[in-house]
C-alpha atoms as a PDB file:
ATOM      1  CA  MET A   1     -63.597 350.918  48.042  1.00  0.00           C
ATOM      2  CA  PRO A   2     -63.565 349.762  44.301  1.00  0.00           C
ATOM      3  CA  ASP A   3     -64.907 346.428  43.589  1.00  0.00           C
ATOM      4  CA  TYR A   4     -62.373 343.747  44.340  1.00  0.00           C
ATOM      5  CA  VAL A   5     -60.888 342.241  41.236  1.00  0.00           C
ATOM      6  CA  PRO A   6     -60.187 338.548  42.067  1.00  0.00           C
ATOM      7  CA  ARG A   7     -56.494 337.826  41.681  1.00  0.00           C
ATOM      8  CA  ASP A   8     -54.863 334.567  40.515  1.00  0.00           C
ATOM      9  CA  ILE A   9     -53.456 333.986  43.921  1.00  0.00           C
ATOM     10  CA  ASP A  10     -56.780 334.001  45.582  1.00  0.00           C
ATOM     11  CA  PRO A  11     -57.585 330.255  45.608  1.00  0.00           C
ATOM     12  CA  GLU A  12     -54.021 329.458  47.130  1.00  0.00           C
ATOM     13  CA  LEU A  13     -54.196 332.267  49.614  1.00  0.00           C
ATOM     14  CA  ARG A  14     -57.759 331.364  50.820  1.00  0.00           C
ATOM     15  CA  SER A  15     -56.710 327.668  51.171  1.00  0.00           C
ATOM     16  CA  LEU A  16     -53.701 328.599  53.220  1.00  0.00           C
ATOM     17  CA  VAL A  17     -55.877 330.825  55.521  1.00  0.00           C
ATOM     18  CA  GLY A  18     -58.303 327.877  55.926  1.00  0.00           C
ATOM     19  CA  GLU A  19     -55.432 325.657  56.800  1.00  0.00           C
ATOM     20  CA  ALA A  20     -54.161 328.061  59.284  1.00  0.00           C
ATOM     21  CA  ALA A  21     -57.660 328.384  60.845  1.00  0.00           C
ATOM     22  CA  GLU A  22     -57.489 324.720  61.663  1.00  0.00           C
ATOM     23  CA  ALA A  23     -54.203 324.666  63.724  1.00  0.00           C
ATOM     24  CA  GLY A  24     -52.443 327.951  63.404  1.00  0.00           C
ATOM     25  CA  GLY A  25     -50.360 329.170  60.490  1.00  0.00           C
ATOM     26  CA  PHE A  26     -48.226 332.080  59.108  1.00  0.00           C
ATOM     27  CA  VAL A  27     -49.137 333.274  55.617  1.00  0.00           C
ATOM     28  CA  LEU A  28     -46.914 335.954  53.930  1.00  0.00           C
ATOM     29  CA  VAL A  29     -47.695 337.812  50.718  1.00  0.00           C
ATOM     30  CA  VAL A  30     -44.569 339.142  49.012  1.00  0.00           C
ATOM     31  CA  GLY A  31     -44.997 341.722  46.247  1.00  0.00           C
ATOM     32  CA  GLY A  32     -43.956 345.176  45.259  1.00  0.00           C
ATOM     33  CA  SER A  33     -45.405 348.587  46.348  1.00  0.00           C
ATOM     34  CA  SER A  34     -49.040 349.174  45.539  1.00  0.00           C
ATOM     35  CA  VAL A  35     -49.629 345.832  43.692  1.00  0.00           C
ATOM     36  CA  GLY A  36     -52.709 344.762  45.909  1.00  0.00           C
ATOM     37  CA  LYS A  37     -51.003 342.632  48.693  1.00  0.00           C
ATOM     38  CA  THR A  38     -53.108 344.096  51.496  1.00  0.00           C
ATOM     39  CA  ARG A  39     -56.374 344.032  49.573  1.00  0.00           C
ATOM     40  CA  SER A  40     -55.976 340.488  48.483  1.00  0.00           C
ATOM     41  CA  LEU A  41     -54.986 339.381  52.008  1.00  0.00           C
ATOM     42  CA  PHE A  42     -57.994 341.307  53.449  1.00  0.00           C
ATOM     43  CA  GLU A  43     -60.459 339.738  51.132  1.00  0.00           C
ATOM     44  CA  ALA A  44     -59.064 336.249  51.797  1.00  0.00           C
ATOM     45  CA  LEU A  45     -59.504 336.880  55.501  1.00  0.00           C
ATOM     46  CA  ARG A  46     -63.050 338.195  55.024  1.00  0.00           C
ATOM     47  CA  ALA A  47     -63.961 335.175  52.860  1.00  0.00           C
ATOM     48  CA  VAL A  48     -62.543 332.440  55.153  1.00  0.00           C
ATOM     49  CA  VAL A  49     -62.557 333.653  58.661  1.00  0.00           C
ATOM     50  CA  PRO A  50     -65.121 336.619  58.781  1.00  0.00           C
ATOM     51  CA  ASP A  51     -65.954 336.009  62.394  1.00  0.00           C
ATOM     52  CA  TRP A  52     -62.477 336.017  63.881  1.00  0.00           C
ATOM     53  CA  SER A  53     -61.087 339.070  65.683  1.00  0.00           C
ATOM     54  CA  LEU A  54     -58.139 341.100  64.169  1.00  0.00           C
ATOM     55  CA  ALA A  55     -55.150 342.069  66.297  1.00  0.00           C
ATOM     56  CA  HIS A  56     -52.812 344.833  65.125  1.00  0.00           C
ATOM     57  CA  PRO A  57     -49.600 344.617  67.225  1.00  0.00           C
ATOM     58  CA  SER A  58     -48.653 347.677  69.257  1.00  0.00           C
ATOM     59  CA  GLY A  59     -46.421 346.097  71.923  1.00  0.00           C
ATOM     60  CA  GLU A  60     -45.697 342.972  73.818  1.00  0.00           C
ATOM     61  CA  GLN A  61     -49.272 342.892  75.446  1.00  0.00           C
ATOM     62  CA  TRP A  62     -50.696 341.542  72.210  1.00  0.00           C
ATOM     63  CA  LEU A  63     -48.805 338.173  72.566  1.00  0.00           C
ATOM     64  CA  THR A  64     -51.136 336.999  75.372  1.00  0.00           C
ATOM     65  CA  GLY A  65     -54.891 336.146  75.626  1.00  0.00           C
ATOM     66  CA  LEU A  66     -55.392 335.462  71.939  1.00  0.00           C
ATOM     67  CA  ASP A  67     -58.193 333.156  70.774  1.00  0.00           C
ATOM     68  CA  ARG A  68     -59.684 332.850  67.263  1.00  0.00           C
ATOM     69  CA  VAL A  69     -57.595 335.802  66.271  1.00  0.00           C
ATOM     70  CA  VAL A  70     -55.775 337.009  63.209  1.00  0.00           C
ATOM     71  CA  VAL A  71     -52.501 338.845  63.969  1.00  0.00           C
ATOM     72  CA  TRP A  72     -52.122 341.381  61.087  1.00  0.00           C
ATOM     73  CA  LEU A  73     -48.680 342.329  60.240  1.00  0.00           C
ATOM     74  CA  ASP A  74     -48.936 344.569  57.122  1.00  0.00           C
ATOM     75  CA  GLU A  75     -45.428 345.886  56.154  1.00  0.00           C
ATOM     76  CA  LEU A  76     -43.712 343.116  58.201  1.00  0.00           C
ATOM     77  CA  GLN A  77     -40.309 344.928  58.183  1.00  0.00           C
ATOM     78  CA  GLN A  78     -41.785 347.362  60.626  1.00  0.00           C
ATOM     79  CA  TYR A  79     -41.906 344.650  63.291  1.00  0.00           C
ATOM     80  CA  LEU A  80     -38.421 343.181  62.678  1.00  0.00           C
ATOM     81  CA  ASN A  81     -35.242 344.385  64.426  1.00  0.00           C
ATOM     82  CA  GLY A  82     -33.119 341.416  65.223  1.00  0.00           C
ATOM     83  CA  ARG A  83     -33.518 340.023  68.688  1.00  0.00           C
ATOM     84  CA  ASP A  84     -35.343 343.174  69.792  1.00  0.00           C
ATOM     85  CA  GLY A  85     -38.123 342.850  67.394  1.00  0.00           C
ATOM     86  CA  LEU A  86     -40.608 340.028  66.522  1.00  0.00           C
ATOM     87  CA  THR A  87     -38.765 336.746  66.641  1.00  0.00           C
ATOM     88  CA  ALA A  88     -39.372 333.211  65.458  1.00  0.00           C
ATOM     89  CA  SER A  89     -40.043 332.144  68.973  1.00  0.00           C
ATOM     90  CA  ASP A  90     -42.769 334.685  69.318  1.00  0.00           C
ATOM     91  CA  VAL A  91     -44.367 333.444  66.125  1.00  0.00           C
ATOM     92  CA  ARG A  92     -43.981 329.827  67.209  1.00  0.00           C
ATOM     93  CA  ASP A  93     -45.891 330.670  70.381  1.00  0.00           C
ATOM     94  CA  LEU A  94     -48.703 332.220  68.370  1.00  0.00           C
ATOM     95  CA  LEU A  95     -49.011 329.374  66.115  1.00  0.00           C
ATOM     96  CA  GLY A  96     -49.002 326.948  68.916  1.00  0.00           C
ATOM     97  CA  ARG A  97     -52.118 328.644  70.098  1.00  0.00           C
ATOM     98  CA  GLY A  98     -53.889 328.399  66.941  1.00  0.00           C
ATOM     99  CA  VAL A  99     -53.501 332.044  65.862  1.00  0.00           C
ATOM    100  CA  ILE A 100     -53.400 332.959  62.197  1.00  0.00           C
ATOM    101  CA  VAL A 101     -50.502 335.246  61.515  1.00  0.00           C
ATOM    102  CA  VAL A 102     -50.726 337.172  58.186  1.00  0.00           C
ATOM    103  CA  ALA A 103     -48.123 339.627  56.751  1.00  0.00           C
ATOM    104  CA  THR A 104     -47.028 341.558  53.665  1.00  0.00           C
ATOM    105  CA  LEU A 105     -43.500 342.333  52.616  1.00  0.00           C
ATOM    106  CA  TRP A 106     -41.762 343.979  49.582  1.00  0.00           C
ATOM    107  CA  PRO A 107     -39.541 341.602  47.605  1.00  0.00           C
ATOM    108  CA  HIS A 108     -36.287 343.548  48.325  1.00  0.00           C
ATOM    109  CA  TYR A 109     -36.807 343.154  52.044  1.00  0.00           C
ATOM    110  CA  TYR A 110     -37.603 339.440  51.694  1.00  0.00           C
ATOM    111  CA  ASP A 111     -34.462 338.914  49.584  1.00  0.00           C
ATOM    112  CA  THR A 112     -32.288 340.867  51.944  1.00  0.00           C
ATOM    113  CA  TYR A 113     -33.589 339.100  54.991  1.00  0.00           C
ATOM    114  CA  THR A 114     -33.260 335.541  53.533  1.00  0.00           C
ATOM    115  CA  ARG A 115     -29.846 336.029  51.900  1.00  0.00           C
ATOM    116  CA  THR A 116     -27.134 333.823  53.534  1.00  0.00           C
ATOM    117  CA  THR A 117     -23.784 335.238  54.317  1.00  0.00           C
ATOM    118  CA  GLN A 118     -20.206 333.810  54.332  1.00  0.00           C
ATOM    119  CA  THR A 119     -19.492 334.122  58.071  1.00  0.00           C
ATOM    120  CA  VAL A 120     -21.605 334.088  61.212  1.00  0.00           C
ATOM    121  CA  GLU A 121     -20.158 337.482  62.141  1.00  0.00           C
ATOM    122  CA  ASP A 122     -21.572 339.155  59.019  1.00  0.00           C
ATOM    123  CA  ASP A 123     -25.142 337.482  59.482  1.00  0.00           C
ATOM    124  CA  ARG A 124     -27.126 340.549  60.392  1.00  0.00           C
ATOM    125  CA  PHE A 125     -30.406 339.119  59.649  1.00  0.00           C
ATOM    126  CA  ALA A 126     -30.232 335.710  61.284  1.00  0.00           C
ATOM    127  CA  PHE A 127     -33.311 336.375  63.387  1.00  0.00           C
ATOM    128  CA  GLU A 128     -35.313 337.709  60.484  1.00  0.00           C
ATOM    129  CA  ARG A 129     -34.355 334.696  58.351  1.00  0.00           C
ATOM    130  CA  GLU A 130     -35.285 332.271  61.116  1.00  0.00           C
ATOM    131  CA  LEU A 131     -38.728 333.861  61.513  1.00  0.00           C
ATOM    132  CA  LEU A 132     -39.396 334.012  57.635  1.00  0.00           C
ATOM    133  CA  LYS A 133     -38.688 330.160  57.494  1.00  0.00           C
ATOM    134  CA  LEU A 134     -41.823 329.752  59.358  1.00  0.00           C
ATOM    135  CA  ALA A 135     -44.004 331.381  56.777  1.00  0.00           C
ATOM    136  CA  THR A 136     -45.805 330.055  53.731  1.00  0.00           C
ATOM    137  CA  VAL A 137     -45.061 332.605  51.021  1.00  0.00           C
ATOM    138  CA  VAL A 138     -47.387 333.694  48.316  1.00  0.00           C
ATOM    139  CA  ARG A 139     -46.105 336.004  45.596  1.00  0.00           C
ATOM    140  CA  LEU A 140     -48.156 338.704  43.812  1.00  0.00           C
ATOM    141  CA  GLY A 141     -46.798 339.963  40.596  1.00  0.00           C
ATOM    142  CA  THR A 142     -46.436 343.715  39.734  1.00  0.00           C
ATOM    143  CA  ASP A 143     -48.884 343.593  36.790  1.00  0.00           C
ATOM    144  CA  PHE A 144     -52.271 342.084  36.296  1.00  0.00           C
ATOM    145  CA  THR A 145     -52.281 338.943  34.299  1.00  0.00           C
ATOM    146  CA  ALA A 146     -54.438 338.464  31.223  1.00  0.00           C
ATOM    147  CA  ALA A 147     -57.113 336.694  33.327  1.00  0.00           C
ATOM    148  CA  GLU A 148     -56.992 339.433  36.064  1.00  0.00           C
ATOM    149  CA  THR A 149     -57.258 342.166  33.442  1.00  0.00           C
ATOM    150  CA  GLU A 150     -60.303 340.332  31.834  1.00  0.00           C
ATOM    151  CA  ARG A 151     -61.992 340.244  35.274  1.00  0.00           C
ATOM    152  CA  ALA A 152     -61.148 343.947  35.979  1.00  0.00           C
ATOM    153  CA  GLN A 153     -62.712 344.907  32.514  1.00  0.00           C
ATOM    154  CA  LYS A 154     -66.003 343.078  33.389  1.00  0.00           C
ATOM    155  CA  ALA A 155     -66.124 344.953  36.832  1.00  0.00           C
ATOM    156  CA  ALA A 156     -65.187 348.315  35.221  1.00  0.00           C
ATOM    157  CA  THR A 157     -68.495 348.322  33.446  1.00  0.00           C
ATOM    158  CA  HIS A 158     -70.067 349.487  36.640  1.00  0.00           C
ATOM    159  CA  ASP A 159     -67.043 351.037  38.362  1.00  0.00           C
ATOM    160  CA  ASP A 160     -65.567 354.126  36.893  1.00  0.00           C
ATOM    161  CA  ARG A 161     -62.508 353.911  39.098  1.00  0.00           C
ATOM    162  CA  LEU A 162     -61.568 350.517  37.648  1.00  0.00           C
ATOM    163  CA  ARG A 163     -62.203 351.846  34.114  1.00  0.00           C
ATOM    164  CA  HIS A 164     -59.865 354.765  34.778  1.00  0.00           C
ATOM    165  CA  ALA A 165     -57.178 352.448  36.234  1.00  0.00           C
ATOM    166  CA  LEU A 166     -57.350 350.208  33.194  1.00  0.00           C
ATOM    167  CA  GLU A 167     -56.866 353.187  30.888  1.00  0.00           C
ATOM    168  CA  ALA A 168     -53.669 354.256  32.591  1.00  0.00           C
ATOM    169  CA  LYS A 169     -50.427 353.710  30.502  1.00  0.00           C
ATOM    170  CA  ASP A 170     -47.584 354.207  32.997  1.00  0.00           C
ATOM    171  CA  PHE A 171     -49.021 352.457  36.146  1.00  0.00           C
ATOM    172  CA  GLY A 172     -50.614 349.167  36.931  1.00  0.00           C
ATOM    173  CA  VAL A 173     -54.334 348.867  37.823  1.00  0.00           C
ATOM    174  CA  ALA A 174     -53.626 348.375  41.550  1.00  0.00           C
ATOM    175  CA  GLN A 175     -51.057 351.167  41.611  1.00  0.00           C
ATOM    176  CA  VAL A 176     -53.667 353.635  40.018  1.00  0.00           C
ATOM    177  CA  LEU A 177     -56.179 352.540  42.597  1.00  0.00           C
ATOM    178  CA  ALA A 178     -53.610 353.325  45.408  1.00  0.00           C
ATOM    179  CA  ALA A 179     -53.044 356.834  44.024  1.00  0.00           C
ATOM    180  CA  ALA A 180     -49.505 356.146  42.892  1.00  0.00           C
ATOM    181  CA  PRO A 181     -49.894 358.500  39.915  1.00  0.00           C
ATOM    182  CA  GLN A 182     -50.894 361.388  42.189  1.00  0.00           C
ATOM    183  CA  ILE A 183     -48.036 360.658  44.606  1.00  0.00           C
ATOM    184  CA  VAL A 184     -45.446 360.610  41.754  1.00  0.00           C
ATOM    185  CA  HIS A 185     -46.920 363.748  40.229  1.00  0.00           C
ATOM    186  CA  ARG A 186     -46.497 365.512  43.623  1.00  0.00           C
ATOM    187  CA  TRP A 187     -42.908 364.524  43.845  1.00  0.00           C
ATOM    188  CA  GLU A 188     -42.084 365.504  40.212  1.00  0.00           C
ATOM    189  CA  ASN A 189     -43.776 368.851  40.523  1.00  0.00           C
ATOM    190  CA  ALA A 190     -42.366 369.850  43.943  1.00  0.00           C
ATOM    191  CA  SER A 191     -40.114 372.807  44.370  1.00  0.00           C
ATOM    192  CA  GLY A 192     -36.367 371.958  44.531  1.00  0.00           C
ATOM    193  CA  TYR A 193     -36.489 372.024  48.366  1.00  0.00           C
ATOM    194  CA  ALA A 194     -39.529 370.059  48.842  1.00  0.00           C
ATOM    195  CA  ARG A 195     -38.402 367.498  46.192  1.00  0.00           C
ATOM    196  CA  ALA A 196     -35.005 367.188  48.097  1.00  0.00           C
ATOM    197  CA  VAL A 197     -36.803 366.522  51.398  1.00  0.00           C
ATOM    198  CA  LEU A 198     -39.107 363.863  49.853  1.00  0.00           C
ATOM    199  CA  THR A 199     -36.133 362.247  48.000  1.00  0.00           C
ATOM    200  CA  ALA A 200     -34.114 362.158  51.209  1.00  0.00           C
ATOM    201  CA  ALA A 201     -37.115 360.481  52.790  1.00  0.00           C
ATOM    202  CA  MET A 202     -37.181 357.795  50.228  1.00  0.00           C
ATOM    203  CA  ASP A 203     -33.598 357.031  50.542  1.00  0.00           C
ATOM    204  CA  CYS A 204     -33.986 356.672  54.221  1.00  0.00           C
ATOM    205  CA  VAL A 205     -36.507 353.932  53.531  1.00  0.00           C
ATOM    206  CA  LEU A 206     -34.214 352.282  50.976  1.00  0.00           C
ATOM    207  CA  LEU A 207     -31.407 352.444  53.548  1.00  0.00           C
ATOM    208  CA  GLY A 208     -33.531 350.413  56.029  1.00  0.00           C
ATOM    209  CA  ALA A 209     -35.082 353.172  58.240  1.00  0.00           C
ATOM    210  CA  GLN A 210     -38.176 351.734  59.860  1.00  0.00           C
ATOM    211  CA  GLN A 211     -39.064 354.362  62.526  1.00  0.00           C
ATOM    212  CA  PRO A 212     -39.908 357.976  62.204  1.00  0.00           C
ATOM    213  CA  VAL A 213     -36.888 360.094  61.211  1.00  0.00           C
ATOM    214  CA  PRO A 214     -36.246 363.328  63.181  1.00  0.00           C
ATOM    215  CA  ALA A 215     -36.972 366.494  61.161  1.00  0.00           C
ATOM    216  CA  GLU A 216     -33.510 367.785  61.772  1.00  0.00           C
ATOM    217  CA  VAL A 217     -32.096 364.775  59.842  1.00  0.00           C
ATOM    218  CA  PHE A 218     -33.976 365.929  56.753  1.00  0.00           C
ATOM    219  CA  ARG A 219     -32.894 369.555  57.291  1.00  0.00           C
ATOM    220  CA  ALA A 220     -29.214 368.515  57.210  1.00  0.00           C
ATOM    221  CA  ALA A 221     -29.602 365.956  54.393  1.00  0.00           C
ATOM    222  CA  ALA A 222     -31.783 367.977  51.869  1.00  0.00           C
ATOM    223  CA  PRO A 223     -29.072 370.415  50.698  1.00  0.00           C
ATOM    224  CA  GLY A 224     -27.142 367.478  49.279  1.00  0.00           C
ATOM    225  CA  TYR A 225     -30.124 366.887  46.933  1.00  0.00           C
ATOM    226  CA  CYS A 226     -30.345 370.558  45.786  1.00  0.00           C
ATOM    227  CA  THR A 227     -28.408 372.253  42.927  1.00  0.00           C
ATOM    228  CA  PRO A 228     -25.770 374.900  43.824  1.00  0.00           C
ATOM    229  CA  ALA A 229     -28.190 377.611  42.687  1.00  0.00           C
ATOM    230  CA  GLU A 230     -30.901 376.321  44.977  1.00  0.00           C
ATOM    231  CA  ARG A 231     -28.603 376.160  47.954  1.00  0.00           C
ATOM    232  CA  ALA A 232     -27.245 379.686  47.284  1.00  0.00           C
ATOM    233  CA  GLY A 233     -30.735 381.135  46.934  1.00  0.00           C
ATOM    234  CA  ALA A 234     -32.570 379.323  49.713  1.00  0.00           C
ATOM    235  CA  PRO A 235     -35.011 381.622  51.587  1.00  0.00           C
ATOM    236  CA  PRO A 236     -34.895 381.432  55.437  1.00  0.00           C
ATOM    237  CA  ASP A 237     -38.124 379.234  55.634  1.00  0.00           C
ATOM    238  CA  TRP A 238     -37.067 376.893  52.877  1.00  0.00           C
ATOM    239  CA  PHE A 239     -37.255 373.859  55.165  1.00  0.00           C
ATOM    240  CA  GLU A 240     -40.427 374.584  56.829  1.00  0.00           C
ATOM    241  CA  LYS A 241     -42.127 375.110  53.499  1.00  0.00           C
ATOM    242  CA  ALA A 242     -40.655 371.990  52.129  1.00  0.00           C
ATOM    243  CA  LEU A 243     -41.634 369.896  55.105  1.00  0.00           C
ATOM    244  CA  ALA A 244     -45.300 371.144  54.953  1.00  0.00           C
ATOM    245  CA  TYR A 245     -45.495 370.328  51.305  1.00  0.00           C
ATOM    246  CA  ALA A 246     -44.067 366.745  51.968  1.00  0.00           C
ATOM    247  CA  THR A 247     -46.457 366.213  54.752  1.00  0.00           C
END
């Protein structure tokens, strides 16, 4: 991987991981897409608890038999689904056993989950909000600060990837390293049908979809993202080619 550029949040993040290692703790890094949340969290764990095991949840079995373990919940929204997903009770149980729970989350998810409502009946995210109250939140900004940029410039003298990222005009350093320009380019230069499938997929995420969406949903939705001419002139295999491009 490219050299790690120390972030301004590192001292706080590593201090929190160290505290969690003493008696259990839940550390949540909140920040936008491709700003460096996962890398910062990884580097903090590697620096503070390099000899601990790492558990990536895949079902209920991971809740038992944990000792000197970090439970890794990257993209926390994938594990939250009201009373049927990860709950505050689950996390309290882990913390009571001295486990370190770490997670990342986009700001719009965090704001949605923690927003209070006027009535109990409308409180869709009560379970998520109760869980998030257990976390110590560290926020990571979208852009590099002046100090972070200076550190990146020093590292770029022996890492061409960092130098290229610093030269980019439309994306942040971390976003370039995460291939955001290439992903956006692939969307912008897709055929009308492939772009329609990709845009429909993005809207599914924005609407809260957290599990794989059946292909037939995209086949039905994509025409709504196409122009009248594209709909009228669609070849028989338009969807298969669009899905292959998107994949």
